C-alpha atoms as a PDB file:
ATOM      1  CA  UNK A   1     -36.987 -24.179 -15.338  1.00  0.00           C
ATOM      2  CA  UNK A   2     -37.636 -24.900 -11.714  1.00  0.00           C
ATOM      3  CA  UNK A   3     -37.436 -22.691  -8.671  1.00  0.00           C
ATOM      4  CA  UNK A   4     -35.387 -23.984  -5.827  1.00  0.00           C
ATOM      5  CA  UNK A   5     -36.906 -22.870  -2.539  1.00  0.00           C
ATOM      6  CA  UNK A   6     -35.854 -23.186   1.070  1.00  0.00           C
ATOM      7  CA  UNK A   7     -36.750 -21.948   4.508  1.00  0.00           C
ATOM      8  CA  UNK A   8     -35.673 -18.737   6.182  1.00  0.00           C
ATOM      9  CA  UNK A   9     -37.126 -17.596   9.501  1.00  0.00           C
ATOM     10  CA  UNK A  10     -40.071 -19.924   8.987  1.00  0.00           C
ATOM     11  CA  UNK A  11     -40.852 -18.612   5.493  1.00  0.00           C
ATOM     12  CA  UNK A  12     -40.221 -20.165   2.100  1.00  0.00           C
ATOM     13  CA  UNK A  13     -37.787 -18.134   0.021  1.00  0.00           C
ATOM     14  CA  UNK A  14     -36.202 -18.593  -3.430  1.00  0.00           C
ATOM     15  CA  UNK A  15     -32.509 -19.147  -4.030  1.00  0.00           C
ATOM     16  CA  UNK A  16     -31.721 -18.189  -7.591  1.00  0.00           C
ATOM     17  CA  UNK A  17     -28.678 -15.932  -7.633  1.00  0.00           C
ATOM     18  CA  UNK A  18     -24.938 -16.419  -7.547  1.00  0.00           C
ATOM     19  CA  UNK A  19     -24.743 -14.605  -4.225  1.00  0.00           C
ATOM     20  CA  UNK A  20     -27.617 -16.524  -2.656  1.00  0.00           C
ATOM     21  CA  UNK A  21     -27.134 -18.663   0.470  1.00  0.00           C
ATOM     22  CA  UNK A  22     -24.821 -21.533  -0.327  1.00  0.00           C
ATOM     23  CA  UNK A  23     -24.748 -25.258   0.242  1.00  0.00           C
ATOM     24  CA  UNK A  24     -21.744 -26.804   1.926  1.00  0.00           C
ATOM     25  CA  UNK A  25     -20.368 -29.267  -0.592  1.00  0.00           C
ATOM     26  CA  UNK A  26     -17.010 -31.059  -0.903  1.00  0.00           C
ATOM     27  CA  UNK A  27     -14.465 -29.892  -3.421  1.00  0.00           C
ATOM     28  CA  UNK A  28     -13.272 -33.035  -5.143  1.00  0.00           C
ATOM     29  CA  UNK A  29     -10.419 -34.179  -7.290  1.00  0.00           C
ATOM     30  CA  UNK A  30     -10.090 -37.444  -9.189  1.00  0.00           C
ATOM     31  CA  UNK A  31     -10.106 -39.230  -5.850  1.00  0.00           C
ATOM     32  CA  UNK A  32     -11.741 -38.401  -2.541  1.00  0.00           C
ATOM     33  CA  UNK A  33     -13.140 -35.051  -1.411  1.00  0.00           C
ATOM     34  CA  UNK A  34     -10.274 -32.830  -0.269  1.00  0.00           C
ATOM     35  CA  UNK A  35     -12.062 -30.080   1.616  1.00  0.00           C
ATOM     36  CA  UNK A  36     -15.411 -28.407   2.076  1.00  0.00           C
ATOM     37  CA  UNK A  37     -16.358 -25.303   0.115  1.00  0.00           C
ATOM     38  CA  UNK A  38     -19.517 -23.293  -0.177  1.00  0.00           C
ATOM     39  CA  UNK A  39     -20.951 -23.603  -3.666  1.00  0.00           C
ATOM     40  CA  UNK A  40     -23.623 -21.039  -4.651  1.00  0.00           C
ATOM     41  CA  UNK A  41     -26.969 -22.597  -5.493  1.00  0.00           C
ATOM     42  CA  UNK A  42     -26.914 -21.046  -8.978  1.00  0.00           C
ATOM     43  CA  UNK A  43     -23.543 -22.687  -9.607  1.00  0.00           C
ATOM     44  CA  UNK A  44     -24.914 -26.053  -8.471  1.00  0.00           C
ATOM     45  CA  UNK A  45     -27.672 -25.746 -11.077  1.00  0.00           C
ATOM     46  CA  UNK A  46     -25.087 -24.987 -13.767  1.00  0.00           C
ATOM     47  CA  UNK A  47     -22.990 -27.991 -12.722  1.00  0.00           C
ATOM     48  CA  UNK A  48     -25.967 -30.185 -13.611  1.00  0.00           C
ATOM     49  CA  UNK A  49     -26.050 -28.577 -17.072  1.00  0.00           C
ATOM     50  CA  UNK A  50     -22.301 -29.116 -17.523  1.00  0.00           C
ATOM     51  CA  UNK A  51     -22.753 -32.757 -16.565  1.00  0.00           C
ATOM     52  CA  UNK A  52     -25.439 -33.259 -19.209  1.00  0.00           C
ATOM     53  CA  UNK A  53     -23.246 -31.683 -21.889  1.00  0.00           C
ATOM     54  CA  UNK A  54     -20.122 -33.588 -20.818  1.00  0.00           C
ATOM     55  CA  UNK A  55     -22.000 -36.906 -20.718  1.00  0.00           C
ATOM     56  CA  UNK A  56     -23.141 -36.337 -24.301  1.00  0.00           C
ATOM     57  CA  UNK A  57     -19.568 -35.512 -25.316  1.00  0.00           C
ATOM     58  CA  UNK A  58     -18.274 -38.667 -23.643  1.00  0.00           C
ATOM     59  CA  UNK A  59     -20.864 -40.758 -25.509  1.00  0.00           C
ATOM     60  CA  UNK A  60     -19.588 -39.245 -28.762  1.00  0.00           C
ATOM     61  CA  UNK A  61     -16.021 -40.255 -27.896  1.00  0.00           C
ATOM     62  CA  UNK A  62     -14.605 -36.895 -26.792  1.00  0.00           C
ATOM     63  CA  UNK A  63     -11.731 -37.171 -24.308  1.00  0.00           C
ATOM     64  CA  UNK A  64     -10.933 -33.489 -23.694  1.00  0.00           C
ATOM     65  CA  UNK A  65     -12.871 -30.262 -23.990  1.00  0.00           C
ATOM     66  CA  UNK A  66     -11.760 -26.625 -23.997  1.00  0.00           C
ATOM     67  CA  UNK A  67     -13.452 -24.267 -21.553  1.00  0.00           C
ATOM     68  CA  UNK A  68     -14.752 -22.121 -24.422  1.00  0.00           C
ATOM     69  CA  UNK A  69     -16.319 -25.142 -26.135  1.00  0.00           C
ATOM     70  CA  UNK A  70     -17.964 -26.392 -22.948  1.00  0.00           C
ATOM     71  CA  UNK A  71     -19.166 -22.899 -22.035  1.00  0.00           C
ATOM     72  CA  UNK A  72     -20.776 -22.416 -25.443  1.00  0.00           C
ATOM     73  CA  UNK A  73     -22.498 -25.801 -25.305  1.00  0.00           C
ATOM     74  CA  UNK A  74     -23.813 -25.032 -21.802  1.00  0.00           C
ATOM     75  CA  UNK A  75     -24.937 -21.501 -22.669  1.00  0.00           C
ATOM     76  CA  UNK A  76     -22.657 -19.607 -20.260  1.00  0.00           C
ATOM     77  CA  UNK A  77     -19.533 -17.496 -20.673  1.00  0.00           C
ATOM     78  CA  UNK A  78     -16.161 -19.162 -20.215  1.00  0.00           C
ATOM     79  CA  UNK A  79     -15.226 -17.055 -17.177  1.00  0.00           C
ATOM     80  CA  UNK A  80     -18.325 -18.209 -15.296  1.00  0.00           C
ATOM     81  CA  UNK A  81     -17.672 -21.800 -16.296  1.00  0.00           C
ATOM     82  CA  UNK A  82     -14.091 -21.685 -15.024  1.00  0.00           C
ATOM     83  CA  UNK A  83     -15.321 -20.129 -11.775  1.00  0.00           C
ATOM     84  CA  UNK A  84     -17.926 -22.875 -11.332  1.00  0.00           C
ATOM     85  CA  UNK A  85     -15.431 -25.656 -11.996  1.00  0.00           C
ATOM     86  CA  UNK A  86     -12.924 -24.108  -9.611  1.00  0.00           C
ATOM     87  CA  UNK A  87     -15.323 -25.023  -6.780  1.00  0.00           C
ATOM     88  CA  UNK A  88     -14.525 -28.637  -7.639  1.00  0.00           C
ATOM     89  CA  UNK A  89     -10.795 -28.008  -7.524  1.00  0.00           C
ATOM     90  CA  UNK A  90     -10.708 -28.494 -11.301  1.00  0.00           C
ATOM     91  CA  UNK A  91      -8.786 -25.923 -13.329  1.00  0.00           C
ATOM     92  CA  UNK A  92      -8.018 -27.743 -16.564  1.00  0.00           C
ATOM     93  CA  UNK A  93      -4.721 -27.752 -18.440  1.00  0.00           C
ATOM     94  CA  UNK A  94      -3.555 -24.786 -20.482  1.00  0.00           C
ATOM     95  CA  UNK A  95      -3.663 -25.604 -24.177  1.00  0.00           C
ATOM     96  CA  UNK A  96      -5.494 -28.872 -23.549  1.00  0.00           C
ATOM     97  CA  UNK A  97      -8.636 -28.079 -21.570  1.00  0.00           C
ATOM     98  CA  UNK A  98     -10.479 -30.456 -19.274  1.00  0.00           C
ATOM     99  CA  UNK A  99     -10.398 -34.245 -19.228  1.00  0.00           C
ATOM    100  CA  UNK A 100     -14.028 -35.147 -19.971  1.00  0.00           C
ATOM    101  CA  UNK A 101     -14.061 -38.397 -17.988  1.00  0.00           C
ATOM    102  CA  UNK A 102     -12.426 -36.855 -14.927  1.00  0.00           C
ATOM    103  CA  UNK A 103     -14.716 -33.831 -15.000  1.00  0.00           C
ATOM    104  CA  UNK A 104     -17.820 -36.038 -15.270  1.00  0.00           C
ATOM    105  CA  UNK A 105     -16.659 -37.950 -12.211  1.00  0.00           C
ATOM    106  CA  UNK A 106     -15.967 -34.777 -10.254  1.00  0.00           C
ATOM    107  CA  UNK A 107     -19.397 -33.301 -10.956  1.00  0.00           C
ATOM    108  CA  UNK A 108     -21.186 -36.590 -10.249  1.00  0.00           C
ATOM    109  CA  UNK A 109     -19.525 -36.882  -6.845  1.00  0.00           C
ATOM    110  CA  UNK A 110     -20.243 -33.249  -6.002  1.00  0.00           C
ATOM    111  CA  UNK A 111     -23.920 -33.631  -6.962  1.00  0.00           C
ATOM    112  CA  UNK A 112     -24.202 -36.868  -4.994  1.00  0.00           C
ATOM    113  CA  UNK A 113     -24.807 -38.978  -8.083  1.00  0.00           C
ATOM    114  CA  UNK A 114     -22.438 -41.791  -7.150  1.00  0.00           C
ATOM    115  CA  UNK A 115     -25.409 -43.619  -5.600  1.00  0.00           C
ATOM    116  CA  UNK A 116     -29.005 -44.055  -6.642  1.00  0.00           C
ATOM    117  CA  UNK A 117     -31.814 -41.935  -5.222  1.00  0.00           C
ATOM    118  CA  UNK A 118     -35.097 -43.843  -5.141  1.00  0.00           C
ATOM    119  CA  UNK A 119     -38.121 -41.825  -6.251  1.00  0.00           C
ATOM    120  CA  UNK A 120     -41.811 -41.968  -5.374  1.00  0.00           C
ATOM    121  CA  UNK A 121     -44.450 -40.329  -7.583  1.00  0.00           C
ATOM    122  CA  UNK A 122     -47.710 -39.273  -5.919  1.00  0.00           C
ATOM    123  CA  UNK A 123     -50.698 -38.556  -8.154  1.00  0.00           C
ATOM    124  CA  UNK A 124     -50.990 -40.870 -11.147  1.00  0.00           C
ATOM    125  CA  UNK A 125     -52.867 -38.587 -13.499  1.00  0.00           C
ATOM    126  CA  UNK A 126     -51.536 -37.601 -16.918  1.00  0.00           C
ATOM    127  CA  UNK A 127     -48.369 -36.055 -15.489  1.00  0.00           C
ATOM    128  CA  UNK A 128     -47.837 -38.845 -12.970  1.00  0.00           C
ATOM    129  CA  UNK A 129     -48.241 -41.469 -15.683  1.00  0.00           C
ATOM    130  CA  UNK A 130     -45.673 -39.696 -17.845  1.00  0.00           C
ATOM    131  CA  UNK A 131     -43.183 -39.485 -14.988  1.00  0.00           C
ATOM    132  CA  UNK A 132     -43.708 -43.104 -13.973  1.00  0.00           C
ATOM    133  CA  UNK A 133     -43.132 -44.309 -17.532  1.00  0.00           C
ATOM    134  CA  UNK A 134     -40.185 -42.046 -18.333  1.00  0.00           C
ATOM    135  CA  UNK A 135     -37.230 -44.296 -19.081  1.00  0.00           C
ATOM    136  CA  UNK A 136     -34.566 -41.656 -18.589  1.00  0.00           C
ATOM    137  CA  UNK A 137     -34.722 -41.546 -14.786  1.00  0.00           C
ATOM    138  CA  UNK A 138     -33.131 -44.924 -13.902  1.00  0.00           C
ATOM    139  CA  UNK A 139     -30.141 -44.391 -16.165  1.00  0.00           C
ATOM    140  CA  UNK A 140     -29.377 -41.130 -14.388  1.00  0.00           C
ATOM    141  CA  UNK A 141     -29.582 -42.644 -10.935  1.00  0.00           C
ATOM    142  CA  UNK A 142     -33.237 -41.868 -10.116  1.00  0.00           C
ATOM    143  CA  UNK A 143     -35.247 -45.101 -10.332  1.00  0.00           C
ATOM    144  CA  UNK A 144     -38.968 -44.720  -9.652  1.00  0.00           C
ATOM    145  CA  UNK A 145     -39.671 -47.258  -6.914  1.00  0.00           C
ATOM    146  CA  UNK A 146     -43.149 -46.307  -5.651  1.00  0.00           C
ATOM    147  CA  UNK A 147     -46.409 -44.847  -6.995  1.00  0.00           C
ATOM    148  CA  UNK A 148     -49.390 -43.534  -5.035  1.00  0.00           C
ATOM    149  CA  UNK A 149     -52.933 -42.387  -5.741  1.00  0.00           C
ATOM    150  CA  UNK A 150     -56.428 -42.400  -4.156  1.00  0.00           C
ATOM    151  CA  UNK A 151     -58.376 -43.631  -7.185  1.00  0.00           C
ATOM    152  CA  UNK A 152     -59.643 -47.150  -6.338  1.00  0.00           C
ATOM    153  CA  UNK A 153     -59.459 -48.054 -10.033  1.00  0.00           C
ATOM    154  CA  UNK A 154     -55.707 -47.434  -9.968  1.00  0.00           C
ATOM    155  CA  UNK A 155     -54.765 -49.119  -6.690  1.00  0.00           C
ATOM    156  CA  UNK A 156     -52.812 -52.285  -7.428  1.00  0.00           C
ATOM    157  CA  UNK A 157     -52.594 -51.566 -11.151  1.00  0.00           C
ATOM    158  CA  UNK A 158     -48.989 -51.530 -12.486  1.00  0.00           C
ATOM    159  CA  UNK A 159     -47.833 -48.308 -14.122  1.00  0.00           C
ATOM    160  CA  UNK A 160     -44.378 -48.503 -15.622  1.00  0.00           C
ATOM    161  CA  UNK A 161     -44.102 -51.930 -14.009  1.00  0.00           C
ATOM    162  CA  UNK A 162     -44.842 -50.667 -10.461  1.00  0.00           C
ATOM    163  CA  UNK A 163     -48.205 -51.306  -8.736  1.00  0.00           C
ATOM    164  CA  UNK A 164     -49.939 -48.161  -7.509  1.00  0.00           C
ATOM    165  CA  UNK A 165     -50.353 -47.945  -3.723  1.00  0.00           C
ATOM    166  CA  UNK A 166     -52.862 -45.881  -1.735  1.00  0.00           C
ATOM    167  CA  UNK A 167     -51.907 -42.476  -0.346  1.00  0.00           C
ATOM    168  CA  UNK A 168     -52.440 -43.762   3.195  1.00  0.00           C
ATOM    169  CA  UNK A 169     -49.556 -46.196   2.659  1.00  0.00           C
ATOM    170  CA  UNK A 170     -47.006 -43.497   1.772  1.00  0.00           C
ATOM    171  CA  UNK A 171     -45.110 -43.433   5.108  1.00  0.00           C
ATOM    172  CA  UNK A 172     -44.826 -47.211   5.376  1.00  0.00           C
ATOM    173  CA  UNK A 173     -43.939 -47.889   1.724  1.00  0.00           C
ATOM    174  CA  UNK A 174     -41.421 -45.041   1.504  1.00  0.00           C
ATOM    175  CA  UNK A 175     -39.687 -46.191   4.676  1.00  0.00           C
ATOM    176  CA  UNK A 176     -39.577 -49.831   3.523  1.00  0.00           C
ATOM    177  CA  UNK A 177     -38.219 -49.019   0.060  1.00  0.00           C
ATOM    178  CA  UNK A 178     -35.771 -46.320   1.143  1.00  0.00           C
ATOM    179  CA  UNK A 179     -37.371 -43.541  -0.894  1.00  0.00           C
ATOM    180  CA  UNK A 180     -35.340 -40.328  -0.691  1.00  0.00           C
ATOM    181  CA  UNK A 181     -37.125 -38.148  -3.282  1.00  0.00           C
ATOM    182  CA  UNK A 182     -40.854 -37.597  -3.541  1.00  0.00           C
ATOM    183  CA  UNK A 183     -42.589 -36.107  -6.584  1.00  0.00           C
ATOM    184  CA  UNK A 184     -45.960 -34.463  -5.943  1.00  0.00           C
ATOM    185  CA  UNK A 185     -48.212 -34.400  -9.023  1.00  0.00           C
ATOM    186  CA  UNK A 186     -51.538 -34.024  -7.224  1.00  0.00           C
ATOM    187  CA  UNK A 187     -54.190 -31.274  -7.180  1.00  0.00           C
ATOM    188  CA  UNK A 188     -53.146 -28.377  -4.906  1.00  0.00           C
ATOM    189  CA  UNK A 189     -55.697 -29.268  -2.232  1.00  0.00           C
ATOM    190  CA  UNK A 190     -53.976 -32.610  -1.601  1.00  0.00           C
ATOM    191  CA  UNK A 191     -50.366 -31.473  -1.888  1.00  0.00           C
ATOM    192  CA  UNK A 192     -49.719 -30.533   1.743  1.00  0.00           C
ATOM    193  CA  UNK A 193     -51.141 -33.736   3.196  1.00  0.00           C
ATOM    194  CA  UNK A 194     -49.131 -35.736   0.661  1.00  0.00           C
ATOM    195  CA  UNK A 195     -46.039 -33.768   1.613  1.00  0.00           C
ATOM    196  CA  UNK A 196     -46.613 -34.545   5.297  1.00  0.00           C
ATOM    197  CA  UNK A 197     -46.907 -38.253   4.540  1.00  0.00           C
ATOM    198  CA  UNK A 198     -43.714 -38.219   2.461  1.00  0.00           C
ATOM    199  CA  UNK A 199     -41.811 -36.517   5.268  1.00  0.00           C
ATOM    200  CA  UNK A 200     -43.174 -39.068   7.740  1.00  0.00           C
ATOM    201  CA  UNK A 201     -41.841 -41.806   5.456  1.00  0.00           C
ATOM    202  CA  UNK A 202     -38.311 -40.436   5.600  1.00  0.00           C
ATOM    203  CA  UNK A 203     -38.281 -38.627   2.246  1.00  0.00           C
ATOM    204  CA  UNK A 204     -35.575 -35.958   2.265  1.00  0.00           C
ATOM    205  CA  UNK A 205     -36.323 -34.024  -0.932  1.00  0.00           C
ATOM    206  CA  UNK A 206     -39.559 -33.110  -2.685  1.00  0.00           C
ATOM    207  CA  UNK A 207     -40.195 -32.046  -6.264  1.00  0.00           C
ATOM    208  CA  UNK A 208     -43.535 -30.241  -6.221  1.00  0.00           C
ATOM    209  CA  UNK A 209     -45.615 -29.782  -9.374  1.00  0.00           C
ATOM    210  CA  UNK A 210     -48.697 -28.611  -7.451  1.00  0.00           C
ATOM    211  CA  UNK A 211     -49.271 -24.824  -7.543  1.00  0.00           C
ATOM    212  CA  UNK A 212     -49.059 -24.394  -3.778  1.00  0.00           C
ATOM    213  CA  UNK A 213     -46.388 -23.460  -1.235  1.00  0.00           C
ATOM    214  CA  UNK A 214     -45.543 -26.431   0.969  1.00  0.00           C
ATOM    215  CA  UNK A 215     -44.789 -26.164   4.670  1.00  0.00           C
ATOM    216  CA  UNK A 216     -41.890 -28.465   5.495  1.00  0.00           C
ATOM    217  CA  UNK A 217     -39.371 -28.979   8.301  1.00  0.00           C
ATOM    218  CA  UNK A 218     -36.042 -27.153   8.036  1.00  0.00           C
ATOM    219  CA  UNK A 219     -34.144 -30.243   6.875  1.00  0.00           C
ATOM    220  CA  UNK A 220     -36.429 -30.990   3.915  1.00  0.00           C
ATOM    221  CA  UNK A 221     -35.421 -29.651   0.499  1.00  0.00           C
ATOM    222  CA  UNK A 222     -38.241 -28.554  -1.822  1.00  0.00           C
ATOM    223  CA  UNK A 223     -38.075 -27.625  -5.487  1.00  0.00           C
ATOM    224  CA  UNK A 224     -41.203 -26.200  -7.074  1.00  0.00           C
ATOM    225  CA  UNK A 225     -42.087 -26.609 -10.742  1.00  0.00           C
ATOM    226  CA  UNK A 226     -44.821 -24.180 -11.761  1.00  0.00           C
ATOM    227  CA  UNK A 227     -45.416 -24.466 -15.498  1.00  0.00           C
ATOM    228  CA  UNK A 228     -47.967 -21.641 -15.483  1.00  0.00           C
ATOM    229  CA  UNK A 229     -45.421 -19.250 -14.004  1.00  0.00           C
ATOM    230  CA  UNK A 230     -42.822 -20.292 -16.580  1.00  0.00           C
ATOM    231  CA  UNK A 231     -45.313 -19.660 -19.391  1.00  0.00           C
ATOM    232  CA  UNK A 232     -46.115 -16.242 -17.924  1.00  0.00           C
ATOM    233  CA  UNK A 233     -42.411 -15.408 -17.906  1.00  0.00           C
ATOM    234  CA  UNK A 234     -42.170 -16.443 -21.559  1.00  0.00           C
ATOM    235  CA  UNK A 235     -45.227 -14.307 -22.283  1.00  0.00           C
ATOM    236  CA  UNK A 236     -43.398 -11.327 -20.823  1.00  0.00           C
ATOM    237  CA  UNK A 237     -40.455 -11.915 -23.149  1.00  0.00           C
ATOM    238  CA  UNK A 238     -42.756 -12.241 -26.170  1.00  0.00           C
ATOM    239  CA  UNK A 239     -44.466  -8.967 -25.248  1.00  0.00           C
ATOM    240  CA  UNK A 240     -41.139  -7.235 -24.718  1.00  0.00           C
ATOM    241  CA  UNK A 241     -39.849  -8.352 -28.122  1.00  0.00           C
ATOM    242  CA  UNK A 242     -43.053  -7.124 -29.727  1.00  0.00           C
ATOM    243  CA  UNK A 243     -42.672  -3.717 -28.048  1.00  0.00           C
ATOM    244  CA  UNK A 244     -39.049  -3.473 -29.156  1.00  0.00           C
ATOM    245  CA  UNK A 245     -40.005  -4.242 -32.764  1.00  0.00           C
ATOM    246  CA  UNK A 246     -42.796  -1.674 -32.663  1.00  0.00           C
ATOM    247  CA  UNK A 247     -40.411   0.934 -31.270  1.00  0.00           C
ATOM    248  CA  UNK A 248     -37.806   0.162 -33.922  1.00  0.00           C
ATOM    249  CA  UNK A 249     -40.426   0.501 -36.667  1.00  0.00           C
ATOM    250  CA  UNK A 250     -41.651   3.789 -35.282  1.00  0.00           C
ATOM    251  CA  UNK A 251     -38.151   5.280 -35.180  1.00  0.00           C
ATOM    252  CA  UNK A 252     -37.494   4.068 -38.693  1.00  0.00           C
ATOM    253  CA  UNK A 253     -40.525   6.009 -39.919  1.00  0.00           C
ATOM    254  CA  UNK A 254     -39.440   9.218 -38.293  1.00  0.00           C
ATOM    255  CA  UNK A 255     -41.953   8.999 -35.488  1.00  0.00           C
ATOM    256  CA  UNK A 256     -41.182  10.115 -31.965  1.00  0.00           C
ATOM    257  CA  UNK A 257     -41.183   7.156 -29.587  1.00  0.00           C
ATOM    258  CA  UNK A 258     -41.843   8.008 -25.941  1.00  0.00           C
END
């Protein structure tokens, strides 16, 4: 899970609810966008999940899918799914469901996936190496086109077929190669300076793995991935389940549970 964050009155704030500030995105049909609607950020995240499920269905030869089937596969209720898809102008056909191919196309256009988004990875440690070598990015429209680090032993060495460049070259290389998404996998102390260089190179969106809040201009989109926070959230759920089991056992033995 990642936390999408933006700017509000100069401060970084999370957007993670259905009633959060919305992004203006085109409602689309099987052809061109027909009008602009505001799609909640939480719904945008679910559209990406629907796309993954639908793409798998298409690979298996499915041509149509009922809303209940798609909702179950995506882990949401069917009412929420129908609401999300209505933002696209897609309502399905009673008794038939949704055309898988058409729905894939609608979601791809809405998410801006009809063109490639070139990616730069900064920080070629264990995580950076894994990201640079991951073969699933290009097929989904996110080819890794640039790598950066400060280690002199890495500069010029190909990782995943791409030579590693120095951090100082970020603005020039990103501008030359048309990089639109930057991935920061550096120690926290270097993250802000790396971010500044990416912005200077014309990068529009940043995926930040460093445990630090980045200061960015209003037009830059930042998503933060904090694995420690996610593990802490899971720890909470484990503890809660343990407490519930203890309480259930106590009641079953006739004990008074506060």
